[in-house]
Amino acid sequence: MSPQSPPITVVFGAATDAGLRRRVNEDSYIAQTPMFLVADGMGGHQAGEIASAAVVDEFARLAGRQSLTIDDVHTTVAAARRRVGALPAGRGAGAGTTLAGVVIADVDGEGYWLTVNLGDSRTYRLSAGVFEQVSVDHSVVQELVDSGQLAADAAQRDTRRNVITRAIGAGSDGEPDYWLIPAEAGDRILVCSDGLSSELEQDAIHGILIAEADPQAAATRLVHEAMVRGGRDNITAVVVDATAVRTRGTGSCESDTVPAGTPLDDIDGDTLPRAIASGGF
């Protein structure tokens, strides 16, 4: 690939649905190079919808670039937080939203996924046959699992699974977690709201991502399967495939300086889940 080519060339698809029990879809997303993000609003009475849409609108200002920097993302998160915090009574006051996903980053001429996370929406990566959750939920249940007070296989059924400890708005000032991951051609990224991950086990998600080669077909099927399993919440899925990755020298996407999944300590040194917030977030 030439030096002028994008750091990561992608194809992508997205799907969303209010689900079977909610009248309003409070999820918002942006799937446009160089960013693929999902925001899951909370607050009820359409307030969550307003908060999530405000966050996505802030990021939409960056659309059309080949890549974004860490500072671009962090500055936009801060602007989104101010905007949500300023929502007036009756138009989203007190509402909040999660934010999760990836943006395309250029690190010394190579393509990287810059992952951002606030809340319990999730980012997964399927690469070279390995499927893993990249983001770490900011939730009471996740912190109980990490502290050994709750078994991982019980987390999906725990009644506290929807109580999150960080968000944009809703009284939270928690900062996002960030990770830089060297991209490889053939990577598949899934970004989703918890309406998907709470209905489908990780193995089921993995199976669909393998079975559906087209990213739009994969996103549509994931949402459909979550509906079939109950559709108890709003459901959003964004699937992104890396078709080519800019690299230096040998063409390898591996880096000796920034291993895959390394948290960015200069942005958020607290990469482990924080102490459980009183009353959630």
Protein backbone atom coordinates (compact mmCIF):
# COMPACT_ATOMS: atom_id res chain seq x y z
CA MET A 1 0.00 0.00 0.00
CA SER A 2 1.22 3.51 -0.76
CA PRO A 3 2.06 6.00 2.02
CA GLN A 4 -0.95 8.06 0.90
CA SER A 5 -3.40 5.22 1.43
CA PRO A 6 -5.61 5.14 4.54
CA PRO A 7 -4.06 3.51 7.62
CA ILE A 8 -6.87 0.94 7.51
CA THR A 9 -9.17 0.35 4.54
CA VAL A 10 -12.53 -0.97 5.71
CA VAL A 11 -15.94 -2.22 4.69
CA PHE A 12 -18.70 -2.18 7.26
CA GLY A 13 -22.36 -2.69 8.08
CA ALA A 14 -24.71 -1.65 10.86
CA ALA A 15 -28.15 -2.52 12.17
CA THR A 16 -30.30 -1.35 15.06
CA ASP A 17 -33.77 -2.06 16.46
CA ALA A 18 -35.81 -0.89 19.42
CA GLY A 19 -36.38 -4.52 20.41
CA LEU A 20 -39.61 -6.16 21.46
CA ARG A 21 -40.25 -4.41 24.77
CA ARG A 22 -39.21 -0.81 24.20
CA ARG A 23 -41.18 1.77 22.24
CA VAL A 24 -38.21 4.09 21.72
CA ASN A 25 -34.76 3.17 20.47
CA GLU A 26 -32.33 5.03 22.73
CA ASP A 27 -29.29 3.59 20.93
CA SER A 28 -27.37 5.78 18.49
CA TYR A 29 -24.38 4.88 16.34
CA ILE A 30 -21.99 6.24 13.77
CA ALA A 31 -20.48 3.95 11.14
CA GLN A 32 -18.44 6.22 8.93
CA THR A 33 -14.71 6.28 8.34
CA PRO A 34 -12.70 6.78 10.48
CA MET A 35 -15.03 5.96 13.41
CA PHE A 36 -17.37 3.15 14.35
CA LEU A 37 -19.11 3.89 17.62
CA VAL A 38 -22.24 2.89 19.56
CA ALA A 39 -23.91 5.00 22.27
CA ASP A 40 -26.63 3.42 24.43
CA GLY A 41 -28.73 6.13 26.05
CA MET A 42 -30.33 5.85 29.46
CA GLY A 43 -32.82 7.98 31.30
CA GLY A 44 -36.19 7.02 29.89
CA HIS A 45 -38.91 9.18 28.36
CA GLN A 46 -36.71 9.71 25.28
CA ALA A 47 -34.04 11.43 27.39
CA GLY A 48 -31.57 8.63 26.69
CA GLU A 49 -32.23 8.94 22.99
CA ILE A 50 -31.34 12.64 23.15
CA ALA A 51 -28.14 12.01 25.11
CA SER A 52 -26.85 9.26 22.82
CA ALA A 53 -27.70 11.28 19.70
CA ALA A 54 -25.84 14.29 21.11
CA VAL A 55 -22.69 12.23 21.62
CA VAL A 56 -22.82 10.74 18.13
CA ASP A 57 -23.42 14.21 16.68
CA GLU A 58 -20.24 15.48 18.32
CA PHE A 59 -18.23 12.67 16.74
CA ALA A 60 -19.89 13.21 13.36
CA ARG A 61 -17.88 16.45 13.11
CA LEU A 62 -14.78 14.27 12.58
CA ALA A 63 -16.22 12.24 9.70
CA GLY A 64 -14.29 12.06 6.46
CA ARG A 65 -10.76 12.04 7.87
CA GLN A 66 -8.43 9.12 7.17
CA SER A 67 -7.55 8.75 10.84
CA LEU A 68 -7.94 10.31 14.27
CA THR A 69 -5.49 10.91 17.08
CA ILE A 70 -5.92 10.11 20.74
CA ASP A 71 -6.32 13.81 21.42
CA ASP A 72 -9.10 14.04 18.79
CA VAL A 73 -11.10 11.35 20.57
CA HIS A 74 -10.45 12.58 24.09
CA THR A 75 -11.35 16.16 23.17
CA THR A 76 -14.57 15.01 21.50
CA VAL A 77 -15.56 12.90 24.52
CA ALA A 78 -15.08 15.97 26.70
CA ALA A 79 -17.21 18.09 24.35
CA ALA A 80 -19.91 15.40 24.32
CA ARG A 81 -19.90 15.32 28.12
CA ARG A 82 -20.41 19.09 28.29
CA ARG A 83 -23.21 18.90 25.73
CA VAL A 84 -25.06 16.13 27.54
CA GLY A 85 -24.58 17.89 30.87
CA ALA A 86 -26.15 21.05 29.43
CA LEU A 87 -29.33 19.37 28.17
CA PRO A 88 -32.35 21.32 29.49
CA ALA A 89 -35.25 20.03 31.54
CA GLY A 90 -37.64 18.10 29.34
CA ARG A 91 -34.98 17.66 26.68
CA GLY A 92 -32.67 15.12 28.26
CA ALA A 93 -31.65 16.75 31.53
CA GLY A 94 -30.09 14.15 33.82
CA ALA A 95 -29.80 11.56 31.06
CA GLY A 96 -26.67 9.65 30.21
CA THR A 97 -25.20 7.32 27.64
CA THR A 98 -22.52 4.72 27.17
CA LEU A 99 -19.93 5.02 24.40
CA ALA A 100 -17.94 2.19 22.83
CA GLY A 101 -16.16 1.43 19.60
CA VAL A 102 -13.08 1.98 17.50
CA VAL A 103 -11.57 4.75 15.44
CA ILE A 104 -8.85 4.35 12.83
CA ALA A 105 -5.50 5.66 14.04
CA ASP A 106 -2.15 6.24 12.35
CA VAL A 107 0.79 5.37 14.60
CA ASP A 108 4.15 6.10 12.97
CA GLY A 109 2.72 5.32 9.55
CA GLU A 110 0.94 2.11 10.55
CA GLY A 111 -2.76 1.34 10.95
CA TYR A 112 -4.11 0.81 14.47
CA TRP A 113 -7.52 0.40 16.06
CA LEU A 114 -7.98 2.97 18.82
CA THR A 115 -10.66 1.55 21.10
CA VAL A 116 -12.68 3.74 23.45
CA ASN A 117 -15.09 2.61 26.17
CA LEU A 118 -17.38 4.18 28.75
CA GLY A 119 -20.09 1.95 30.22
CA ASP A 120 -21.22 -1.53 29.21
CA SER A 121 -21.55 -1.35 25.45
CA ARG A 122 -18.87 -3.59 24.01
CA THR A 123 -16.14 -3.89 21.40
CA TYR A 124 -15.04 -7.33 20.18
CA ARG A 125 -12.29 -8.34 17.77
CA LEU A 126 -12.08 -11.43 15.56
CA SER A 127 -8.53 -11.76 14.26
CA ALA A 128 -6.68 -14.78 12.86
CA GLY A 129 -9.38 -17.06 14.26
CA VAL A 130 -9.24 -15.60 17.77
CA PHE A 131 -12.40 -13.93 19.08
CA GLU A 132 -12.12 -11.74 22.15
CA GLN A 133 -13.83 -8.91 23.97
CA VAL A 134 -11.51 -5.90 23.82
CA SER A 135 -13.42 -3.53 26.09
CA VAL A 136 -13.97 -4.08 29.80
CA ASP A 137 -17.48 -3.35 31.08
CA HIS A 138 -17.81 -0.48 33.52
CA SER A 139 -20.47 -2.22 35.55
CA VAL A 140 -21.15 -3.42 39.07
CA VAL A 141 -21.30 -7.02 37.88
CA GLN A 142 -17.93 -6.79 36.09
CA GLU A 143 -16.31 -5.41 39.21
CA LEU A 144 -17.80 -8.21 41.30
CA VAL A 145 -16.40 -10.75 38.83
CA ASP A 146 -12.98 -9.10 38.86
CA SER A 147 -12.90 -9.07 42.67
CA GLY A 148 -13.86 -12.74 42.84
CA GLN A 149 -17.22 -12.09 44.49
CA LEU A 150 -19.23 -13.35 41.50
CA ALA A 151 -18.60 -16.23 39.12
CA ALA A 152 -18.21 -15.19 35.49
CA ASP A 153 -20.87 -17.66 34.34
CA ALA A 154 -23.36 -16.09 36.78
CA ALA A 155 -22.81 -12.54 35.54
CA GLN A 156 -25.20 -12.90 32.61
CA ARG A 157 -28.06 -13.76 34.98
CA ASP A 158 -27.29 -11.32 37.77
CA THR A 159 -30.01 -8.72 38.37
CA ARG A 160 -27.36 -5.99 38.76
CA ARG A 161 -25.92 -6.51 35.27
CA ASN A 162 -27.43 -3.24 33.95
CA VAL A 163 -25.98 -1.03 36.70
CA ILE A 164 -22.99 0.76 35.20
CA THR A 165 -20.24 2.67 36.96
CA ARG A 166 -19.14 5.07 34.22
CA ALA A 167 -21.07 6.97 31.58
CA ILE A 168 -21.30 10.26 29.71
CA GLY A 169 -23.79 12.28 31.73
CA ALA A 170 -26.14 10.87 34.39
CA GLY A 171 -23.97 12.35 37.10
CA SER A 172 -20.85 10.40 36.09
CA ASP A 173 -17.45 11.99 35.65
CA GLY A 174 -15.64 8.73 34.94
CA GLU A 175 -13.08 8.88 32.14
CA PRO A 176 -13.00 6.45 29.20
CA ASP A 177 -10.63 3.53 28.85
CA TYR A 178 -8.54 3.48 25.68
CA TRP A 179 -6.54 0.75 23.98
CA LEU A 180 -4.32 0.80 20.88
CA ILE A 181 -4.38 -2.43 18.90
CA PRO A 182 -2.20 -3.03 15.82
CA ALA A 183 -4.59 -3.78 12.97
CA GLU A 184 -4.22 -6.69 10.59
CA ALA A 185 -5.84 -7.25 7.22
CA GLY A 186 -8.76 -9.60 7.84
CA ASP A 187 -9.63 -8.17 11.28
CA ARG A 188 -13.33 -8.05 12.06
CA ILE A 189 -14.52 -5.61 14.73
CA LEU A 190 -17.94 -5.78 16.37
CA VAL A 191 -19.29 -2.85 18.39
CA CYS A 192 -22.63 -3.42 20.11
CA SER A 193 -24.98 -2.20 22.79
CA ASP A 194 -25.79 -4.44 25.74
CA GLY A 195 -29.11 -5.27 24.13
CA LEU A 196 -27.09 -7.64 21.95
CA SER A 197 -24.56 -8.98 24.44
CA SER A 198 -27.22 -9.62 27.09
CA GLU A 199 -29.23 -11.83 24.71
CA LEU A 200 -26.44 -13.71 22.91
CA GLU A 201 -23.63 -15.66 24.54
CA GLN A 202 -20.15 -14.91 23.24
CA ASP A 203 -19.97 -18.24 21.41
CA ALA A 204 -23.19 -17.43 19.54
CA ILE A 205 -21.86 -14.01 18.53
CA HIS A 206 -18.62 -15.63 17.38
CA GLY A 207 -20.50 -18.18 15.30
CA ILE A 208 -22.51 -15.52 13.47
CA LEU A 209 -19.44 -13.43 12.74
CA ILE A 210 -17.79 -16.49 11.18
CA ALA A 211 -20.88 -17.60 9.25
CA GLU A 212 -21.70 -14.24 7.66
CA ALA A 213 -18.93 -12.99 5.38
CA ASP A 214 -20.61 -9.69 4.51
CA PRO A 215 -20.44 -7.17 7.38
CA GLN A 216 -23.94 -5.83 6.73
CA ALA A 217 -25.37 -9.36 6.71
CA ALA A 218 -23.52 -10.08 9.96
CA ALA A 219 -24.85 -6.95 11.68
CA THR A 220 -28.40 -7.63 10.50
CA ARG A 221 -28.32 -11.25 11.63
CA LEU A 222 -26.87 -10.38 15.03
CA VAL A 223 -29.73 -7.97 15.71
CA HIS A 224 -32.26 -10.50 14.41
CA GLU A 225 -30.91 -13.28 16.64
CA ALA A 226 -31.03 -11.01 19.67
CA MET A 227 -34.67 -10.30 18.86
CA VAL A 228 -35.39 -14.02 18.59
CA ARG A 229 -33.80 -14.60 22.00
CA GLY A 230 -36.08 -12.04 23.65
CA GLY A 231 -35.24 -8.55 22.39
CA ARG A 232 -35.65 -7.12 25.88
CA ASP A 233 -33.65 -3.97 25.16
CA ASN A 234 -32.63 -1.78 22.25
CA ILE A 235 -30.16 -3.65 20.04
CA THR A 236 -27.37 -2.20 17.90
CA ALA A 237 -24.51 -3.90 16.05
CA VAL A 238 -21.75 -2.34 13.94
CA VAL A 239 -19.43 -4.74 12.09
CA VAL A 240 -16.19 -3.46 10.55
CA ASP A 241 -13.80 -5.47 8.36
CA ALA A 242 -10.21 -4.41 7.64
CA THR A 243 -9.53 -5.21 3.99
CA ALA A 244 -6.07 -3.63 3.94
CA VAL A 245 -3.74 -2.19 6.56
CA ARG A 246 -0.86 0.21 6.00
CA THR A 247 2.37 -1.11 7.52
CA ARG A 248 6.03 -0.25 7.38
CA GLY A 249 8.78 -2.47 6.01
CA THR A 250 7.80 -6.12 6.16
CA GLY A 251 4.05 -5.56 6.02
CA SER A 252 3.56 -7.05 9.48
CA CYS A 253 0.96 -5.37 11.72
CA GLU A 254 2.84 -6.36 14.86
CA SER A 255 4.55 -3.70 16.94
CA ASP A 256 7.38 -4.06 19.45
CA THR A 257 6.47 -0.82 21.17
CA VAL A 258 2.70 -1.04 21.61
CA PRO A 259 1.50 -4.63 22.16
CA ALA A 260 -2.05 -5.48 21.21
CA GLY A 261 -4.52 -4.50 23.90
CA THR A 262 -2.17 -2.18 25.77
CA PRO A 263 -4.15 0.50 27.69
CA LEU A 264 -3.05 4.08 27.06
CA ASP A 265 -1.79 5.07 30.50
CA ASP A 266 -1.13 8.66 29.46
CA ILE A 267 -4.88 9.12 28.94
CA ASP A 268 -6.39 6.94 31.66
CA GLY A 269 -4.02 5.29 34.08
CA ASP A 270 -6.91 3.54 35.83
CA THR A 271 -7.41 0.72 33.38
CA LEU A 272 -8.77 -1.73 35.92
CA PRO A 273 -12.41 -1.39 36.97
CA ARG A 274 -12.92 1.26 39.60
CA ALA A 275 -14.47 0.70 42.99
CA ILE A 276 -18.21 0.17 42.80
CA ALA A 277 -19.93 3.52 42.65
CA SER A 278 -22.60 4.08 45.27
CA GLY A 279 -25.96 3.58 43.62
CA GLY A 280 -24.42 2.65 40.26
CA PHE A 281 -22.97 5.53 38.27
